């Protein structure tokens, strides 16, 4: 596992991922976006909130986990802003 500060947002709305339907939490690492397993997009408030929602803004977070099968398996996630 690795811990790093990365961009966290909605994979579909902000990172242009299209392999899942609906809105899902994603992380951008080295300019590539990955869906996150282990946390839900609404775990940090309403995803569609205009000011803080992941579907509307990209936020920074300290995330711990591992890339596996094209997804980020997260064991910890703390927003840093």
C-alpha atoms as a PDB file:
ATOM      1  CA  UNK A   1       0.000   0.000   0.000  1.00  0.00           C
ATOM      2  CA  UNK A   2       1.039   3.570  -0.674  1.00  0.00           C
ATOM      3  CA  UNK A   3      -0.194   6.853   0.859  1.00  0.00           C
ATOM      4  CA  UNK A   4      -0.285   9.978  -1.277  1.00  0.00           C
ATOM      5  CA  UNK A   5      -2.119  13.258  -1.755  1.00  0.00           C
ATOM      6  CA  UNK A   6      -4.152  13.146  -4.957  1.00  0.00           C
ATOM      7  CA  UNK A   7      -7.134  14.671  -6.716  1.00  0.00           C
ATOM      8  CA  UNK A   8     -10.423  13.042  -5.682  1.00  0.00           C
ATOM      9  CA  UNK A   9     -13.698  13.564  -7.544  1.00  0.00           C
ATOM     10  CA  UNK A  10     -16.470  11.949  -9.566  1.00  0.00           C
ATOM     11  CA  UNK A  11     -14.991   9.703 -12.208  1.00  0.00           C
ATOM     12  CA  UNK A  12     -17.771  10.375 -14.688  1.00  0.00           C
ATOM     13  CA  UNK A  13     -18.442  14.105 -14.079  1.00  0.00           C
ATOM     14  CA  UNK A  14     -14.869  15.354 -13.595  1.00  0.00           C
ATOM     15  CA  UNK A  15     -12.391  12.732 -14.849  1.00  0.00           C
ATOM     16  CA  UNK A  16     -14.213  11.562 -18.025  1.00  0.00           C
ATOM     17  CA  UNK A  17     -14.350   7.881 -17.023  1.00  0.00           C
ATOM     18  CA  UNK A  18     -17.173   6.009 -18.713  1.00  0.00           C
ATOM     19  CA  UNK A  19     -16.836   2.342 -17.766  1.00  0.00           C
ATOM     20  CA  UNK A  20     -19.533   2.581 -15.038  1.00  0.00           C
ATOM     21  CA  UNK A  21     -23.050   4.016 -15.033  1.00  0.00           C
ATOM     22  CA  UNK A  22     -24.011   6.777 -12.608  1.00  0.00           C
ATOM     23  CA  UNK A  23     -21.573   8.717 -10.434  1.00  0.00           C
ATOM     24  CA  UNK A  24     -18.653   6.989  -8.710  1.00  0.00           C
ATOM     25  CA  UNK A  25     -15.697   8.128  -6.621  1.00  0.00           C
ATOM     26  CA  UNK A  26     -12.379   8.289  -8.469  1.00  0.00           C
ATOM     27  CA  UNK A  27      -8.783   9.322  -7.809  1.00  0.00           C
ATOM     28  CA  UNK A  28      -6.286  10.814 -10.259  1.00  0.00           C
ATOM     29  CA  UNK A  29      -2.733   9.476  -9.930  1.00  0.00           C
ATOM     30  CA  UNK A  30       0.027  10.503 -12.349  1.00  0.00           C
ATOM     31  CA  UNK A  31      -2.601  12.204 -14.566  1.00  0.00           C
ATOM     32  CA  UNK A  32      -4.638   8.988 -14.894  1.00  0.00           C
ATOM     33  CA  UNK A  33      -8.006   8.465 -13.207  1.00  0.00           C
ATOM     34  CA  UNK A  34      -9.080   5.261 -11.457  1.00  0.00           C
ATOM     35  CA  UNK A  35     -12.351   4.328  -9.797  1.00  0.00           C
ATOM     36  CA  UNK A  36     -12.000   3.887  -6.014  1.00  0.00           C
ATOM     37  CA  UNK A  37     -13.123   0.770  -4.160  1.00  0.00           C
ATOM     38  CA  UNK A  38     -13.592   1.038  -0.401  1.00  0.00           C
ATOM     39  CA  UNK A  39     -15.335   4.425  -0.246  1.00  0.00           C
ATOM     40  CA  UNK A  40     -18.593   5.751  -1.697  1.00  0.00           C
ATOM     41  CA  UNK A  41     -18.973   9.058  -3.531  1.00  0.00           C
ATOM     42  CA  UNK A  42     -21.448  10.268  -0.851  1.00  0.00           C
ATOM     43  CA  UNK A  43     -19.225   9.353   2.137  1.00  0.00           C
ATOM     44  CA  UNK A  44     -17.951  12.957   2.266  1.00  0.00           C
ATOM     45  CA  UNK A  45     -21.253  14.788   1.797  1.00  0.00           C
ATOM     46  CA  UNK A  46     -23.750  15.105  -1.041  1.00  0.00           C
ATOM     47  CA  UNK A  47     -21.900  14.409  -4.289  1.00  0.00           C
ATOM     48  CA  UNK A  48     -24.093  16.961  -6.088  1.00  0.00           C
ATOM     49  CA  UNK A  49     -23.550  19.853  -3.640  1.00  0.00           C
ATOM     50  CA  UNK A  50     -22.568  22.906  -5.727  1.00  0.00           C
ATOM     51  CA  UNK A  51     -19.619  23.938  -3.529  1.00  0.00           C
ATOM     52  CA  UNK A  52     -18.121  20.693  -2.178  1.00  0.00           C
ATOM     53  CA  UNK A  53     -19.768  17.842  -4.109  1.00  0.00           C
ATOM     54  CA  UNK A  54     -17.464  15.549  -6.047  1.00  0.00           C
ATOM     55  CA  UNK A  55     -19.672  15.817  -9.147  1.00  0.00           C
ATOM     56  CA  UNK A  56     -19.056  19.588  -9.231  1.00  0.00           C
ATOM     57  CA  UNK A  57     -15.541  20.080  -7.847  1.00  0.00           C
ATOM     58  CA  UNK A  58     -12.209  18.257  -7.712  1.00  0.00           C
ATOM     59  CA  UNK A  59     -10.884  18.045  -4.151  1.00  0.00           C
ATOM     60  CA  UNK A  60      -7.541  16.978  -2.661  1.00  0.00           C
ATOM     61  CA  UNK A  61      -7.315  13.980  -0.410  1.00  0.00           C
ATOM     62  CA  UNK A  62      -4.730  11.835   1.309  1.00  0.00           C
ATOM     63  CA  UNK A  63      -5.495   8.353   0.079  1.00  0.00           C
ATOM     64  CA  UNK A  64      -3.957   5.032   1.057  1.00  0.00           C
ATOM     65  CA  UNK A  65      -4.268   1.884  -0.987  1.00  0.00           C
ATOM     66  CA  UNK A  66      -3.055  -0.047  -3.989  1.00  0.00           C
ATOM     67  CA  UNK A  67      -3.770  -0.084  -7.715  1.00  0.00           C
ATOM     68  CA  UNK A  68      -5.184  -3.473  -8.684  1.00  0.00           C
ATOM     69  CA  UNK A  69      -6.901  -4.527 -11.914  1.00  0.00           C
ATOM     70  CA  UNK A  70      -7.276  -0.926 -13.098  1.00  0.00           C
ATOM     71  CA  UNK A  71      -8.958   0.248  -9.879  1.00  0.00           C
ATOM     72  CA  UNK A  72      -7.665   1.887  -6.687  1.00  0.00           C
ATOM     73  CA  UNK A  73      -8.384  -0.307  -3.665  1.00  0.00           C
ATOM     74  CA  UNK A  74      -8.465   2.279  -0.841  1.00  0.00           C
ATOM     75  CA  UNK A  75      -8.051   1.497   2.847  1.00  0.00           C
ATOM     76  CA  UNK A  76      -8.008   5.134   4.037  1.00  0.00           C
ATOM     77  CA  UNK A  77      -9.123   8.483   2.605  1.00  0.00           C
ATOM     78  CA  UNK A  78      -8.974  11.874   4.320  1.00  0.00           C
ATOM     79  CA  UNK A  79      -9.805  15.139   2.562  1.00  0.00           C
ATOM     80  CA  UNK A  80      -7.046  17.723   3.042  1.00  0.00           C
ATOM     81  CA  UNK A  81      -8.858  20.942   2.141  1.00  0.00           C
END
